[in-house]
Amino acid sequence: MSFNEISPIGGIRGDLHAAIVACTMANAWAGKGKSYKLADFLLKFGADSTPTQKELDVKVSQLEQWGRMHNKLVETAKKKRTTKK
């Protein structure tokens, strides 16, 4: 077993960190009954890296959902700030 398999370094490690953060945030904001796996956010390279149209549609839907939730949180925070003044 190589050291890189035990403790990834370089770009692979950065991709792993980003995937962990993205997965954590997605699960924190996921609706009831929804959960995401780390593999959903890991970059894929090689022959199997081209996503199907269904996979693309799912990712777009997830990003749209995240965007709506983010915008709602921002608007709520703005309202709270303006009412405190």
C-alpha atoms as a PDB file:
ATOM      1  CA  MET A   1       0.000   0.000   0.000  1.00  0.00           C
ATOM      2  CA  SER A   2       1.428   3.380  -0.962  1.00  0.00           C
ATOM      3  CA  PHE A   3       1.675   6.304   1.409  1.00  0.00           C
ATOM      4  CA  ASN A   4      -0.628   8.335  -0.859  1.00  0.00           C
ATOM      5  CA  GLU A   5      -3.412   5.802  -0.253  1.00  0.00           C
ATOM      6  CA  ILE A   6      -3.043   6.236   3.507  1.00  0.00           C
ATOM      7  CA  SER A   7      -2.597  10.013   3.554  1.00  0.00           C
ATOM      8  CA  PRO A   8      -3.339  11.669   0.192  1.00  0.00           C
ATOM      9  CA  ILE A   9      -1.213  14.670  -0.719  1.00  0.00           C
ATOM     10  CA  GLY A  10      -1.456  17.440  -3.272  1.00  0.00           C
ATOM     11  CA  GLY A  11      -4.460  17.971  -5.498  1.00  0.00           C
ATOM     12  CA  ILE A  12      -6.133  14.716  -4.534  1.00  0.00           C
ATOM     13  CA  ARG A  13      -6.157  15.761  -0.901  1.00  0.00           C
ATOM     14  CA  GLY A  14      -7.617  19.163  -1.810  1.00  0.00           C
ATOM     15  CA  ASP A  15     -10.343  17.513  -3.869  1.00  0.00           C
ATOM     16  CA  LEU A  16     -11.122  15.237  -0.936  1.00  0.00           C
ATOM     17  CA  HIS A  17     -11.345  18.171   1.468  1.00  0.00           C
ATOM     18  CA  ALA A  18     -13.643  20.076  -0.894  1.00  0.00           C
ATOM     19  CA  ALA A  19     -15.864  17.010  -1.308  1.00  0.00           C
ATOM     20  CA  ILE A  20     -16.087  16.550   2.474  1.00  0.00           C
ATOM     21  CA  VAL A  21     -17.142  20.183   2.955  1.00  0.00           C
ATOM     22  CA  ALA A  22     -19.643  20.029   0.089  1.00  0.00           C
ATOM     23  CA  CYS A  23     -21.133  16.761   1.370  1.00  0.00           C
ATOM     24  CA  THR A  24     -21.400  18.105   4.915  1.00  0.00           C
ATOM     25  CA  MET A  25     -23.134  21.287   3.767  1.00  0.00           C
ATOM     26  CA  ALA A  26     -25.491  19.425   1.450  1.00  0.00           C
ATOM     27  CA  ASN A  27     -26.502  17.034   4.231  1.00  0.00           C
ATOM     28  CA  ALA A  28     -26.938  19.915   6.686  1.00  0.00           C
ATOM     29  CA  TRP A  29     -29.367  21.606   4.293  1.00  0.00           C
ATOM     30  CA  ALA A  30     -30.982  18.480   2.842  1.00  0.00           C
ATOM     31  CA  GLY A  31     -34.671  18.013   3.327  1.00  0.00           C
ATOM     32  CA  LYS A  32     -36.111  15.151   5.306  1.00  0.00           C
ATOM     33  CA  GLY A  33     -35.383  11.790   3.772  1.00  0.00           C
ATOM     34  CA  LYS A  34     -32.543  13.140   1.637  1.00  0.00           C
ATOM     35  CA  SER A  35     -28.899  12.410   2.234  1.00  0.00           C
ATOM     36  CA  TYR A  36     -25.750  12.630   0.186  1.00  0.00           C
ATOM     37  CA  LYS A  37     -22.663  10.429   0.113  1.00  0.00           C
ATOM     38  CA  LEU A  38     -19.093  11.625  -0.152  1.00  0.00           C
ATOM     39  CA  ALA A  39     -18.855   9.866  -3.521  1.00  0.00           C
ATOM     40  CA  ASP A  40     -21.533  12.256  -4.847  1.00  0.00           C
ATOM     41  CA  PHE A  41     -19.008  15.099  -4.569  1.00  0.00           C
ATOM     42  CA  LEU A  42     -15.711  13.452  -5.496  1.00  0.00           C
ATOM     43  CA  LEU A  43     -14.250  14.369  -8.871  1.00  0.00           C
ATOM     44  CA  LYS A  44     -14.006  11.510 -11.339  1.00  0.00           C
ATOM     45  CA  PHE A  45     -11.221  11.170 -13.865  1.00  0.00           C
ATOM     46  CA  GLY A  46     -10.679   8.685 -16.655  1.00  0.00           C
ATOM     47  CA  ALA A  47     -12.962   6.761 -18.993  1.00  0.00           C
ATOM     48  CA  ASP A  48     -15.909   6.702 -16.569  1.00  0.00           C
ATOM     49  CA  SER A  49     -15.708  10.432 -15.833  1.00  0.00           C
ATOM     50  CA  THR A  50     -18.273  11.574 -18.418  1.00  0.00           C
ATOM     51  CA  PRO A  51     -21.604  11.944 -16.592  1.00  0.00           C
ATOM     52  CA  THR A  52     -24.859  10.767 -18.114  1.00  0.00           C
ATOM     53  CA  GLN A  53     -27.634  13.255 -18.823  1.00  0.00           C
ATOM     54  CA  LYS A  54     -29.543  11.895 -15.821  1.00  0.00           C
ATOM     55  CA  GLU A  55     -26.533  12.509 -13.540  1.00  0.00           C
ATOM     56  CA  LEU A  56     -26.218  16.049 -14.908  1.00  0.00           C
ATOM     57  CA  ASP A  57     -29.933  16.693 -14.347  1.00  0.00           C
ATOM     58  CA  VAL A  58     -29.642  15.469 -10.740  1.00  0.00           C
ATOM     59  CA  LYS A  59     -26.638  17.738 -10.087  1.00  0.00           C
ATOM     60  CA  VAL A  60     -28.406  20.740 -11.620  1.00  0.00           C
ATOM     61  CA  SER A  61     -31.458  20.035  -9.483  1.00  0.00           C
ATOM     62  CA  GLN A  62     -29.281  19.776  -6.358  1.00  0.00           C
ATOM     63  CA  LEU A  63     -27.531  23.059  -7.154  1.00  0.00           C
ATOM     64  CA  GLU A  64     -30.851  24.807  -7.776  1.00  0.00           C
ATOM     65  CA  GLN A  65     -32.203  23.516  -4.469  1.00  0.00           C
ATOM     66  CA  TRP A  66     -29.062  24.675  -2.659  1.00  0.00           C
ATOM     67  CA  GLY A  67     -29.341  28.084  -4.324  1.00  0.00           C
ATOM     68  CA  ARG A  68     -32.960  28.517  -3.237  1.00  0.00           C
ATOM     69  CA  MET A  69     -32.134  27.551   0.353  1.00  0.00           C
ATOM     70  CA  HIS A  70     -29.097  29.847   0.384  1.00  0.00           C
ATOM     71  CA  ASN A  71     -31.099  32.791  -0.949  1.00  0.00           C
ATOM     72  CA  LYS A  72     -33.828  32.179   1.633  1.00  0.00           C
ATOM     73  CA  LEU A  73     -31.236  32.187   4.434  1.00  0.00           C
ATOM     74  CA  VAL A  74     -29.696  35.414   3.124  1.00  0.00           C
ATOM     75  CA  GLU A  75     -33.087  37.129   2.906  1.00  0.00           C
ATOM     76  CA  THR A  76     -33.976  36.010   6.437  1.00  0.00           C
ATOM     77  CA  ALA A  77     -30.672  37.358   7.752  1.00  0.00           C
ATOM     78  CA  LYS A  78     -31.250  40.690   5.951  1.00  0.00           C
ATOM     79  CA  LYS A  79     -34.729  41.011   7.470  1.00  0.00           C
ATOM     80  CA  LYS A  80     -33.369  40.317  10.950  1.00  0.00           C
ATOM     81  CA  ARG A  81     -30.668  42.980  10.537  1.00  0.00           C
ATOM     82  CA  THR A  82     -33.102  45.620   9.295  1.00  0.00           C
ATOM     83  CA  THR A  83     -35.644  44.969  12.058  1.00  0.00           C
ATOM     84  CA  LYS A  84     -32.969  45.316  14.800  1.00  0.00           C
ATOM     85  CA  LYS A  85     -32.049  48.865  13.784  1.00  0.00           C
END
